[in-house]
């Protein structure tokens, strides 16, 4: 082989190696972009309803009537928790939480309009006063079983442009011991 043929072959091989490097680089970049896009769609853009719960509390006052006149009056500070597991803030409207005893509403708490930041829990302490004058099923029981129910509507915003309306339901059951004046059990669905 002559020297010019050898140089042109070497030059062609160098061009081919350069093209191969560019092809590998571009392919790696495209694969990386696809992985980032799939992660973004599957993790970041997944909108979930925040958890809306009432936490354990201490009873401030509790007055229970007699067996002849079954009734109760109670006051406490309800720790309302709104846990936002989304990658954007959850802005919600004002709402109320109803406290129900024996199928009858005995009190309510107002939750003001606010927002829960991304991946955090908003804590709101609300004063609650409950009153039941005709608690026929209270009888001689040492437990007052209450349900707290509420609905929280709002919008989750991700990346300052993607918005989705979400609704959270509260449905908690709590048993208050009338002798110790303490919450004996609390469960939320």
Protein backbone atom coordinates (compact mmCIF):
# COMPACT_ATOMS: atom_id res chain seq x y z
CA UNK A 1 0.00 0.00 0.00
CA UNK A 2 1.26 3.43 -0.80
CA UNK A 3 1.69 6.14 1.77
CA UNK A 4 -1.21 8.36 0.53
CA UNK A 5 -3.59 5.37 0.63
CA UNK A 6 -2.49 4.62 4.20
CA UNK A 7 -3.09 8.26 5.26
CA UNK A 8 -6.56 8.37 3.69
CA UNK A 9 -7.46 5.08 5.40
CA UNK A 10 -6.26 6.45 8.73
CA UNK A 11 -8.19 9.69 8.10
CA UNK A 12 -11.38 7.71 7.30
CA UNK A 13 -10.92 5.64 10.47
CA UNK A 14 -10.54 8.81 12.56
CA UNK A 15 -13.75 10.22 11.04
CA UNK A 16 -15.58 6.97 11.76
CA UNK A 17 -14.36 6.99 15.41
CA UNK A 18 -15.46 10.61 15.79
CA UNK A 19 -18.93 9.80 14.36
CA UNK A 20 -19.18 6.79 16.70
CA UNK A 21 -18.36 8.96 19.74
CA UNK A 22 -20.98 11.53 18.72
CA UNK A 23 -23.58 8.81 18.16
CA UNK A 24 -22.88 7.25 21.57
CA UNK A 25 -23.01 10.68 23.24
CA UNK A 26 -26.30 11.66 21.61
CA UNK A 27 -27.85 8.26 22.38
CA UNK A 28 -26.78 8.51 26.04
CA UNK A 29 -28.24 12.03 26.25
CA UNK A 30 -31.58 10.90 24.73
CA UNK A 31 -31.78 7.93 27.12
CA UNK A 32 -31.04 10.24 30.08
CA UNK A 33 -33.79 12.65 28.96
CA UNK A 34 -36.30 9.79 28.63
CA UNK A 35 -35.44 8.53 32.14
CA UNK A 36 -35.85 12.05 33.58
CA UNK A 37 -39.20 12.50 31.77
CA UNK A 38 -40.52 9.13 33.00
CA UNK A 39 -39.43 9.92 36.59
CA UNK A 40 -41.11 13.33 36.36
CA UNK A 41 -44.38 11.86 35.09
CA UNK A 42 -44.48 8.92 37.52
CA UNK A 43 -43.28 10.66 40.70
CA UNK A 44 -43.57 14.45 40.55
CA UNK A 45 -46.81 14.73 38.55
CA UNK A 46 -48.73 12.23 40.70
CA UNK A 47 -51.40 14.31 42.48
CA UNK A 48 -52.71 12.80 45.73
CA UNK A 49 -55.43 13.96 48.11
CA UNK A 50 -53.88 15.30 51.33
CA UNK A 51 -54.71 13.52 54.59
CA UNK A 52 -57.20 15.48 56.75
CA UNK A 53 -57.22 14.25 60.39
CA UNK A 54 -57.79 15.24 64.00
CA UNK A 55 -55.01 14.29 66.42
CA UNK A 56 -54.97 13.28 70.09
CA UNK A 57 -56.10 16.06 72.44
CA UNK A 58 -56.54 16.85 76.12
CA UNK A 59 -60.06 17.52 77.36
CA UNK A 60 -60.17 20.91 79.07
CA UNK A 61 -63.62 20.64 80.64
CA UNK A 62 -66.10 17.77 80.78
CA UNK A 63 -69.41 17.89 82.63
CA UNK A 64 -71.62 14.81 82.47
CA UNK A 65 -75.27 14.84 83.59
CA UNK A 66 -77.02 12.22 85.70
CA UNK A 67 -78.78 9.02 84.60
CA UNK A 68 -82.10 10.80 85.08
CA UNK A 69 -80.92 13.66 82.85
CA UNK A 70 -78.20 12.27 80.54
CA UNK A 71 -76.22 15.08 78.92
CA UNK A 72 -72.68 16.36 78.55
CA UNK A 73 -70.74 19.55 77.91
CA UNK A 74 -67.13 19.35 76.81
CA UNK A 75 -64.42 21.69 75.57
CA UNK A 76 -60.98 20.96 74.13
CA UNK A 77 -58.44 22.20 71.61
CA UNK A 78 -58.63 19.98 68.53
CA UNK A 79 -55.30 19.53 66.74
CA UNK A 80 -56.29 19.39 63.07
CA UNK A 81 -53.58 18.04 60.75
CA UNK A 82 -53.45 18.41 56.96
CA UNK A 83 -50.64 16.23 55.58
CA UNK A 84 -49.68 17.18 52.01
CA UNK A 85 -47.59 14.47 50.33
CA UNK A 86 -47.54 16.22 46.95
CA UNK A 87 -44.58 17.97 45.26
CA UNK A 88 -46.46 21.27 45.31
CA UNK A 89 -48.48 23.36 47.80
CA UNK A 90 -52.13 22.52 48.58
CA UNK A 91 -54.27 25.67 48.86
CA UNK A 92 -57.59 24.87 50.49
CA UNK A 93 -60.81 26.75 51.20
CA UNK A 94 -62.34 27.38 54.62
CA UNK A 95 -64.40 24.47 55.91
CA UNK A 96 -66.01 23.08 59.05
CA UNK A 97 -65.46 19.88 60.98
CA UNK A 98 -68.61 18.46 62.58
CA UNK A 99 -68.52 16.48 65.82
CA UNK A 100 -71.31 13.91 66.00
CA UNK A 101 -72.60 11.92 68.97
CA UNK A 102 -75.29 9.26 68.48
CA UNK A 103 -76.05 10.50 64.96
CA UNK A 104 -76.62 14.09 66.13
CA UNK A 105 -74.23 16.98 65.59
CA UNK A 106 -73.12 18.26 69.00
CA UNK A 107 -70.55 20.83 67.87
CA UNK A 108 -68.33 22.03 65.08
CA UNK A 109 -64.98 23.64 64.42
CA UNK A 110 -64.13 26.10 61.66
CA UNK A 111 -60.95 25.59 59.65
CA UNK A 112 -59.75 28.85 58.02
CA UNK A 113 -58.62 29.13 54.40
CA UNK A 114 -54.87 28.50 54.14
CA UNK A 115 -52.24 26.33 52.44
CA UNK A 116 -50.13 23.30 53.30
CA UNK A 117 -46.66 23.48 51.76
CA UNK A 118 -45.26 20.63 49.67
CA UNK A 119 -44.20 17.48 51.52
CA UNK A 120 -45.26 18.93 54.90
CA UNK A 121 -48.04 18.85 57.50
CA UNK A 122 -50.09 21.95 58.31
CA UNK A 123 -51.04 22.04 62.01
CA UNK A 124 -54.10 23.97 63.14
CA UNK A 125 -55.32 24.09 66.74
CA UNK A 126 -59.05 24.85 66.96
CA UNK A 127 -61.14 25.48 70.07
CA UNK A 128 -64.13 23.13 70.19
CA UNK A 129 -67.14 23.23 72.52
CA UNK A 130 -69.54 20.28 72.44
CA UNK A 131 -72.95 20.20 74.07
CA UNK A 132 -75.57 17.46 74.13
CA UNK A 133 -78.71 17.92 76.19
CA UNK A 134 -80.52 14.70 75.28
CA UNK A 135 -77.90 11.97 75.31
CA UNK A 136 -80.29 9.09 75.90
CA UNK A 137 -77.69 6.51 74.85
CA UNK A 138 -75.10 7.89 77.31
CA UNK A 139 -76.71 6.14 80.28
CA UNK A 140 -74.22 4.69 82.76
CA UNK A 141 -71.46 4.33 80.17
CA UNK A 142 -68.06 5.74 81.03
CA UNK A 143 -67.28 6.41 77.36
CA UNK A 144 -68.49 9.13 75.03
CA UNK A 145 -67.94 8.02 71.43
CA UNK A 146 -67.67 10.90 68.98
CA UNK A 147 -67.22 11.06 65.22
CA UNK A 148 -65.54 13.98 63.51
CA UNK A 149 -66.42 14.51 59.87
CA UNK A 150 -65.35 17.11 57.36
CA UNK A 151 -64.47 17.75 53.75
CA UNK A 152 -61.50 19.83 52.63
CA UNK A 153 -61.45 21.14 49.04
CA UNK A 154 -58.46 22.76 47.42
CA UNK A 155 -55.91 22.82 44.61
CA UNK A 156 -52.47 21.26 44.36
CA UNK A 157 -50.03 23.28 42.23
CA UNK A 158 -46.89 21.62 40.83
CA UNK A 159 -44.14 23.55 39.02
CA UNK A 160 -46.19 26.78 39.34
CA UNK A 161 -48.32 25.79 36.33
CA UNK A 162 -49.96 22.37 36.76
CA UNK A 163 -53.05 22.62 39.00
CA UNK A 164 -55.42 19.89 40.06
CA UNK A 165 -58.43 20.10 42.38
CA UNK A 166 -58.37 17.59 45.24
CA UNK A 167 -60.88 16.76 47.98
CA UNK A 168 -59.95 15.20 51.34
CA UNK A 169 -62.43 13.57 53.69
CA UNK A 170 -62.11 13.40 57.48
CA UNK A 171 -63.82 10.53 59.25
CA UNK A 172 -62.40 9.99 62.73
CA UNK A 173 -63.88 8.12 65.69
CA UNK A 174 -62.78 8.90 69.23
CA UNK A 175 -63.77 7.54 72.63
CA UNK A 176 -63.50 9.89 75.62
CA UNK A 177 -63.42 8.37 79.10
CA UNK A 178 -65.71 10.39 81.38
CA UNK A 179 -63.91 9.42 84.61
CA UNK A 180 -60.35 10.19 83.49
CA UNK A 181 -61.45 12.99 81.12
CA UNK A 182 -59.01 11.73 78.50
CA UNK A 183 -59.15 10.38 74.97
CA UNK A 184 -59.08 6.60 75.32
CA UNK A 185 -58.93 5.76 71.60
CA UNK A 186 -58.75 7.65 68.31
CA UNK A 187 -58.85 6.23 64.80
CA UNK A 188 -59.21 7.90 61.41
CA UNK A 189 -60.10 6.37 58.06
